[in-house]
N, C-alpha and C. Protein backbone atom coordinates (compact mmCIF):
# COMPACT_ATOMS: atom_id res chain seq x y z
N UNK A 1 3.19 2.03 35.92
CA UNK A 1 2.09 1.60 35.25
C UNK A 1 2.03 0.54 34.27
N UNK A 2 3.07 0.57 33.44
CA UNK A 2 3.32 -0.38 32.17
C UNK A 2 3.37 -1.70 32.79
N UNK A 3 4.44 -1.69 34.06
CA UNK A 3 4.16 -3.19 35.04
C UNK A 3 2.81 -4.06 35.38
N UNK A 4 1.77 -2.60 35.56
CA UNK A 4 0.47 -3.30 35.69
C UNK A 4 -0.36 -3.49 34.97
N UNK A 5 0.25 -3.12 33.68
CA UNK A 5 -0.76 -3.58 32.12
C UNK A 5 -1.68 -2.09 31.86
N UNK A 6 -1.02 -1.12 32.70
CA UNK A 6 -1.89 0.10 31.46
C UNK A 6 -1.59 0.28 29.96
N UNK A 7 -0.44 -0.37 29.19
CA UNK A 7 -0.47 -0.51 28.19
C UNK A 7 -1.38 -1.36 27.31
N UNK A 8 -1.97 -2.15 28.24
CA UNK A 8 -2.97 -3.41 27.44
C UNK A 8 -4.35 -3.03 27.94
N UNK A 9 -4.83 -1.93 28.33
CA UNK A 9 -5.80 -1.52 28.35
C UNK A 9 -6.96 -1.56 27.66
N UNK A 10 -7.43 -1.66 26.61
CA UNK A 10 -8.82 -1.93 26.13
C UNK A 10 -9.93 -1.01 26.16
N UNK A 11 -9.51 -0.15 24.90
CA UNK A 11 -11.44 1.25 24.92
C UNK A 11 -12.78 -0.05 25.39
N UNK A 12 -13.43 0.83 25.82
CA UNK A 12 -14.83 0.03 25.70
C UNK A 12 -15.93 0.50 24.37
N UNK A 13 -16.97 -0.37 24.10
CA UNK A 13 -17.81 0.19 22.94
C UNK A 13 -18.54 0.80 23.24
N UNK A 14 -18.95 1.79 22.22
CA UNK A 14 -19.86 3.28 22.68
C UNK A 14 -20.89 2.23 22.73
N UNK A 15 -21.99 3.06 23.29
CA UNK A 15 -23.93 2.92 23.44
C UNK A 15 -24.06 3.84 22.52
N UNK A 16 -24.53 3.00 20.95
CA UNK A 16 -25.35 4.40 20.05
C UNK A 16 -26.12 4.91 20.47
N UNK A 17 -27.26 4.98 21.61
CA UNK A 17 -27.99 5.48 21.76
C UNK A 17 -27.86 6.84 22.67
N UNK A 18 -26.26 6.84 23.06
CA UNK A 18 -26.16 7.60 24.01
C UNK A 18 -25.07 8.47 23.02
N UNK A 19 -26.08 10.41 22.81
CA UNK A 19 -25.05 10.80 21.79
C UNK A 19 -25.10 12.31 22.42
N UNK A 20 -23.95 12.51 22.18
CA UNK A 20 -23.52 14.33 22.68
C UNK A 20 -24.09 14.95 22.21
N UNK A 21 -24.58 15.92 22.81
CA UNK A 21 -25.97 17.05 22.78
C UNK A 21 -27.47 16.47 23.45
N UNK A 22 -27.58 15.24 23.05
CA UNK A 22 -29.00 14.76 23.62
C UNK A 22 -29.25 13.99 24.91
N UNK A 23 -29.98 14.63 25.45
CA UNK A 23 -30.63 14.25 26.51
C UNK A 23 -30.59 12.91 27.18
N UNK A 24 -30.59 12.06 27.83
CA UNK A 24 -30.94 11.16 28.77
C UNK A 24 -31.67 11.04 29.34
N UNK A 25 -33.19 10.39 28.92
CA UNK A 25 -34.34 11.00 30.05
C UNK A 25 -33.75 9.77 31.51
N UNK A 26 -33.14 10.33 31.95
CA UNK A 26 -32.62 9.78 33.21
C UNK A 26 -32.24 10.77 34.59
N UNK A 27 -33.01 10.77 36.00
CA UNK A 27 -33.04 11.38 36.55
C UNK A 27 -32.50 13.42 36.53
N UNK A 28 -33.75 13.30 35.45
CA UNK A 28 -33.55 14.66 35.39
C UNK A 28 -32.93 15.16 34.37
N UNK A 29 -32.63 14.08 33.25
CA UNK A 29 -31.94 14.52 32.40
C UNK A 29 -30.65 14.84 32.57
N UNK A 30 -29.73 13.69 31.96
CA UNK A 30 -28.08 13.42 32.05
C UNK A 30 -27.73 14.05 30.84
N UNK A 31 -26.56 14.93 30.05
CA UNK A 31 -26.47 15.10 29.16
C UNK A 31 -25.52 14.90 28.59
N UNK A 32 -24.64 14.08 27.78
CA UNK A 32 -23.53 13.64 27.21
C UNK A 32 -23.01 14.69 26.53
N UNK A 33 -21.68 15.20 27.13
CA UNK A 33 -20.81 16.52 26.60
C UNK A 33 -19.32 15.63 25.41
N UNK A 34 -19.30 15.76 24.09
CA UNK A 34 -18.34 14.98 23.55
C UNK A 34 -17.04 15.97 24.23
N UNK A 35 -15.81 15.67 24.89
CA UNK A 35 -14.70 16.23 25.34
C UNK A 35 -13.70 15.53 25.12
N UNK A 36 -13.62 15.36 24.03
CA UNK A 36 -11.95 14.51 23.20
C UNK A 36 -10.93 15.22 23.67
N UNK A 37 -9.43 14.44 23.83
CA UNK A 37 -8.60 15.01 24.26
C UNK A 37 -7.81 13.78 25.21
N UNK A 38 -8.49 13.51 25.89
CA UNK A 38 -7.63 12.80 26.95
C UNK A 38 -7.62 11.53 26.24
N UNK A 39 -8.96 11.33 25.63
CA UNK A 39 -9.42 10.11 24.90
C UNK A 39 -10.15 10.65 22.95
N UNK A 40 -10.11 10.07 22.03
CA UNK A 40 -10.36 10.39 21.46
C UNK A 40 -12.02 10.76 21.78
N UNK A 41 -12.62 9.18 21.97
CA UNK A 41 -13.93 8.85 22.42
C UNK A 41 -14.72 9.99 23.50
N UNK A 42 -14.12 10.45 24.72
CA UNK A 42 -14.50 11.12 25.92
C UNK A 42 -15.08 11.88 25.92
N UNK A 43 -15.97 11.51 26.94
CA UNK A 43 -17.43 12.14 27.24
C UNK A 43 -16.89 12.34 28.68
N UNK A 44 -17.89 13.49 28.99
CA UNK A 44 -18.39 14.62 30.11
C UNK A 44 -19.78 14.16 30.13
N UNK A 45 -20.44 14.24 31.51
CA UNK A 45 -21.72 13.76 31.69
C UNK A 45 -22.24 15.28 32.77
N UNK A 46 -23.55 15.79 32.31
CA UNK A 46 -23.94 16.75 33.13
C UNK A 46 -25.71 16.28 34.07
N UNK A 47 -25.44 16.36 34.90
CA UNK A 47 -26.86 15.93 35.25
C UNK A 47 -27.58 17.54 35.50
N UNK A 48 -28.13 17.82 34.24
CA UNK A 48 -28.94 18.91 33.81
C UNK A 48 -30.26 20.09 35.03
N UNK A 49 -30.74 18.32 35.72
CA UNK A 49 -31.81 19.62 36.81
C UNK A 49 -30.90 19.73 38.21
N UNK A 50 -29.74 19.23 38.27
CA UNK A 50 -28.75 19.42 39.93
C UNK A 50 -27.09 20.20 39.27
N UNK A 51 -27.18 20.92 38.14
CA UNK A 51 -25.82 21.03 37.77
C UNK A 51 -24.56 20.72 38.18
N UNK A 52 -24.77 19.65 37.91
CA UNK A 52 -23.93 18.19 38.28
C UNK A 52 -22.99 17.83 37.35
N UNK A 53 -21.77 18.29 36.97
CA UNK A 53 -21.17 18.16 35.70
C UNK A 53 -19.96 17.17 36.68
N UNK A 54 -20.05 15.50 35.58
CA UNK A 54 -19.17 14.39 35.95
C UNK A 54 -18.25 14.66 34.10
N UNK A 55 -16.89 14.90 34.55
CA UNK A 55 -15.66 15.64 33.89
C UNK A 55 -15.58 14.11 33.78
N UNK A 56 -15.08 12.72 34.48
CA UNK A 56 -14.09 11.93 33.95
C UNK A 56 -12.80 12.46 34.07
N UNK A 57 -11.71 12.75 32.63
CA UNK A 57 -10.51 12.50 33.32
C UNK A 57 -10.26 13.88 31.77
N UNK A 58 -11.48 14.80 31.56
CA UNK A 58 -11.18 15.87 30.70
C UNK A 58 -11.10 17.16 31.35
N UNK A 59 -11.18 17.18 32.91
CA UNK A 59 -10.49 18.11 33.63
C UNK A 59 -10.55 17.04 34.98
N UNK A 60 -9.44 17.08 35.94
CA UNK A 60 -9.09 16.76 37.22
C UNK A 60 -8.52 17.71 38.28
N UNK A 61 -8.90 17.16 39.47
CA UNK A 61 -8.19 18.19 40.00
C UNK A 61 -7.20 17.42 41.20
N UNK A 62 -6.76 16.22 40.35
CA UNK A 62 -5.56 15.36 40.93
C UNK A 62 -4.97 15.00 39.80
N UNK A 63 -3.85 14.89 39.05
CA UNK A 63 -3.02 14.34 37.98
C UNK A 63 -2.70 13.00 38.64
N UNK A 64 -3.29 11.74 38.40
CA UNK A 64 -2.33 10.75 38.94
C UNK A 64 -1.34 10.30 38.45
N UNK A 65 -0.90 11.55 37.41
CA UNK A 65 0.36 10.73 37.06
C UNK A 65 1.81 11.88 37.25
N UNK A 66 0.83 13.16 37.72
CA UNK A 66 2.42 13.79 38.35
C UNK A 66 1.81 14.02 39.54
N UNK A 67 0.35 13.57 40.04
CA UNK A 67 0.59 14.32 41.68
C UNK A 67 -0.05 15.32 42.18
N UNK A 68 -0.17 16.20 40.63
CA UNK A 68 -0.20 17.49 41.35
C UNK A 68 -1.84 18.17 41.20
N UNK A 69 -1.86 18.93 42.32
CA UNK A 69 -4.01 19.01 42.41
C UNK A 69 -3.92 20.04 42.00
N UNK A 70 -5.73 20.20 42.09
CA UNK A 70 -6.27 21.69 41.29
C UNK A 70 -6.32 21.06 40.32
N UNK A 71 -7.51 21.89 39.71
CA UNK A 71 -7.67 21.99 38.55
C UNK A 71 -6.68 21.93 37.04
N UNK A 72 -6.81 21.04 36.43
CA UNK A 72 -5.69 20.59 35.36
C UNK A 72 -6.26 19.47 34.35
N UNK A 73 -5.89 19.84 33.30
CA UNK A 73 -5.95 18.40 32.47
C UNK A 73 -5.15 17.70 32.60
N UNK A 74 -5.26 16.03 32.32
CA UNK A 74 -4.59 14.73 32.69
C UNK A 74 -2.79 15.01 31.62
N UNK A 75 -1.86 14.99 32.33
CA UNK A 75 -0.59 15.14 32.12
C UNK A 75 -0.63 14.43 30.65
N UNK A 76 0.44 15.40 30.01
CA UNK A 76 0.83 14.81 28.26
C UNK A 76 0.64 13.42 28.16
N UNK A 77 1.65 12.98 28.50
CA UNK A 77 1.88 11.16 29.12
C UNK A 77 0.87 10.92 28.84
N UNK A 78 -0.52 10.93 29.05
CA UNK A 78 -1.38 10.32 29.41
C UNK A 78 -2.89 10.55 28.61
N UNK A 79 -2.58 11.85 27.71
CA UNK A 79 -3.35 12.49 27.05
C UNK A 79 -3.18 12.21 25.57
N UNK A 80 -4.01 12.15 24.62
CA UNK A 80 -3.88 11.79 23.30
C UNK A 80 -3.90 12.71 22.75
N UNK A 81 -4.57 13.48 22.61
CA UNK A 81 -4.43 14.79 21.67
C UNK A 81 -4.23 16.21 23.04
N UNK A 82 -3.17 17.00 23.02
CA UNK A 82 -3.06 18.14 24.25
C UNK A 82 -3.94 19.46 23.77
N UNK A 83 -4.24 19.65 22.75
CA UNK A 83 -4.37 20.99 22.31
C UNK A 83 -6.43 20.40 22.27
N UNK A 84 -6.65 19.31 21.79
CA UNK A 84 -8.33 19.02 21.40
C UNK A 84 -8.31 19.36 23.19
N UNK A 85 -7.62 18.50 24.24
CA UNK A 85 -7.95 18.49 25.65
C UNK A 85 -8.35 19.94 26.45
N UNK A 86 -7.38 20.30 26.13
CA UNK A 86 -8.02 22.47 26.19
C UNK A 86 -8.62 22.86 25.62
N UNK A 87 -8.77 22.80 24.28
CA UNK A 87 -10.28 23.54 23.64
C UNK A 87 -11.39 22.28 24.23
N UNK A 88 -11.80 21.25 24.81
CA UNK A 88 -13.00 21.06 25.29
C UNK A 88 -13.25 21.32 26.93
N UNK A 89 -11.82 22.12 27.30
CA UNK A 89 -12.50 22.81 28.44
C UNK A 89 -13.81 24.02 28.15
N UNK A 90 -13.63 24.92 26.99
CA UNK A 90 -14.74 25.23 26.33
C UNK A 90 -16.28 25.06 27.09
N UNK A 91 -16.17 23.79 26.32
CA UNK A 91 -17.82 22.95 26.38
C UNK A 91 -18.08 22.80 28.02
N UNK A 92 -16.88 22.58 28.74
CA UNK A 92 -17.38 22.03 30.47
C UNK A 92 -17.82 23.72 30.76
N UNK A 93 -17.14 24.58 30.33
CA UNK A 93 -17.44 25.88 30.85
C UNK A 93 -18.83 26.50 30.30
N UNK A 94 -19.53 25.93 29.18
CA UNK A 94 -20.62 25.69 28.47
C UNK A 94 -21.84 25.79 29.95
N UNK A 95 -21.30 24.18 30.35
CA UNK A 95 -22.03 23.98 31.03
C UNK A 95 -22.86 24.83 32.19
N UNK A 96 -21.99 25.59 32.77
CA UNK A 96 -22.49 26.14 33.45
C UNK A 96 -22.61 25.69 35.30
N UNK A 97 -22.28 24.18 35.22
CA UNK A 97 -22.26 23.66 36.70
C UNK A 97 -21.78 24.16 37.88
N UNK A 98 -22.70 23.86 39.01
CA UNK A 98 -22.14 24.63 40.06
C UNK A 98 -21.04 23.51 40.91
N UNK A 99 -21.30 21.99 40.82
CA UNK A 99 -20.65 21.45 41.12
C UNK A 99 -19.51 19.92 40.07
N UNK A 100 -18.71 20.38 40.65
CA UNK A 100 -17.88 19.53 39.52
C UNK A 100 -17.44 18.06 40.44
N UNK A 101 -17.72 16.61 39.31
CA UNK A 101 -17.27 15.38 40.10
C UNK A 101 -16.37 15.05 39.22
N UNK A 102 -14.69 15.10 39.38
CA UNK A 102 -13.41 14.77 38.42
C UNK A 102 -13.69 13.62 38.54
N UNK A 103 -12.84 12.92 37.35
CA UNK A 103 -12.26 11.42 37.10
C UNK A 103 -11.14 10.80 38.39
N UNK A 104 -10.44 11.70 38.77
CA UNK A 104 -9.08 11.91 39.54
C UNK A 104 -9.13 12.95 40.36
N UNK A 105 -9.19 12.64 42.07
CA UNK A 105 -9.49 14.30 43.09
C UNK A 105 -10.84 14.73 44.03
N UNK A 106 -10.29 15.53 44.62
CA UNK A 106 -11.51 16.42 44.73
C UNK A 106 -12.60 16.45 44.04
N UNK A 107 -13.96 16.56 45.16
CA UNK A 107 -14.82 17.50 44.48
C UNK A 107 -14.67 19.09 44.02
N UNK A 108 -14.97 19.54 43.12
CA UNK A 108 -14.49 20.91 43.34
C UNK A 108 -16.26 21.50 43.14
N UNK A 109 -16.01 22.63 44.28
CA UNK A 109 -17.24 23.27 43.73
C UNK A 109 -17.01 24.67 44.20
N UNK A 110 -15.86 25.23 44.78
CA UNK A 110 -15.34 26.51 44.50
C UNK A 110 -15.75 27.24 43.37
N UNK A 111 -16.82 27.48 43.28
CA UNK A 111 -17.42 28.64 42.68
C UNK A 111 -18.18 28.00 41.01
N UNK A 112 -17.95 26.89 41.09
CA UNK A 112 -18.66 25.97 39.94
C UNK A 112 -16.95 25.76 38.83
N UNK A 113 -17.30 25.46 37.54
CA UNK A 113 -16.94 24.76 36.11
C UNK A 113 -16.33 26.31 35.94
N UNK A 114 -16.33 27.36 36.01
CA UNK A 114 -16.21 28.57 35.13
C UNK A 114 -14.66 28.84 35.87
N UNK A 115 -14.32 28.98 37.19
CA UNK A 115 -12.99 29.28 37.79
C UNK A 115 -12.30 28.03 37.55
N UNK A 116 -12.85 27.11 37.74
CA UNK A 116 -12.15 25.18 37.31
C UNK A 116 -11.35 25.29 35.90
N UNK A 117 -12.44 25.86 35.22
CA UNK A 117 -11.73 25.64 33.56
C UNK A 117 -10.35 27.00 33.27
N UNK A 118 -10.62 28.15 34.22
CA UNK A 118 -9.90 29.18 33.76
C UNK A 118 -8.30 28.59 34.68
N UNK A 119 -8.90 27.66 36.36
CA UNK A 119 -7.18 27.40 35.87
C UNK A 119 -6.52 26.27 35.79
N UNK A 120 -7.71 25.20 35.28
CA UNK A 120 -6.93 24.06 34.04
C UNK A 120 -6.09 24.31 33.12
N UNK A 121 -6.83 25.57 32.09
CA UNK A 121 -6.51 26.30 30.68
C UNK A 121 -4.47 27.59 31.69
N UNK A 122 -5.29 27.74 32.64
CA UNK A 122 -3.63 28.54 33.00
C UNK A 122 -2.73 27.96 33.22
N UNK A 123 -2.98 26.65 33.55
CA UNK A 123 -1.75 25.68 33.45
C UNK A 123 -0.96 24.60 32.78
N UNK A 124 -2.20 24.76 31.29
CA UNK A 124 -1.66 23.62 30.16
C UNK A 124 -1.97 22.50 30.51
N UNK A 125 -0.82 22.05 29.51
CA UNK A 125 -0.66 20.16 29.66
C UNK A 125 0.84 20.00 30.27
N UNK A 126 1.00 19.56 31.36
CA UNK A 126 2.12 19.23 31.99
C UNK A 126 2.82 18.10 30.71
């Protein structure tokens, strides 16, 4: 990854109109959820009317750094603040989403976000 330029990747600028906790009036409402840990400004997005949660790298079902599968937090080597990443899982669980679309790995629909968070917590951070 280093050879491919991973250390030179720059962050993106935030859009000041996207505020965690304030719904965006698109597609029946998209709720940004602040999920710091993997990165300082990480956000997940809940499609409120559909119960679909886009977790990004806050919760993945394939860790691209370790190759491990199933719900988890991205490996410590690629997570800015491991404790915050684990704490952010609570905010994801509170959504009650039925369908989870992670940043890496397969879609999770086995009981929704609650069991995915429980499994991820039990695994900690590699």
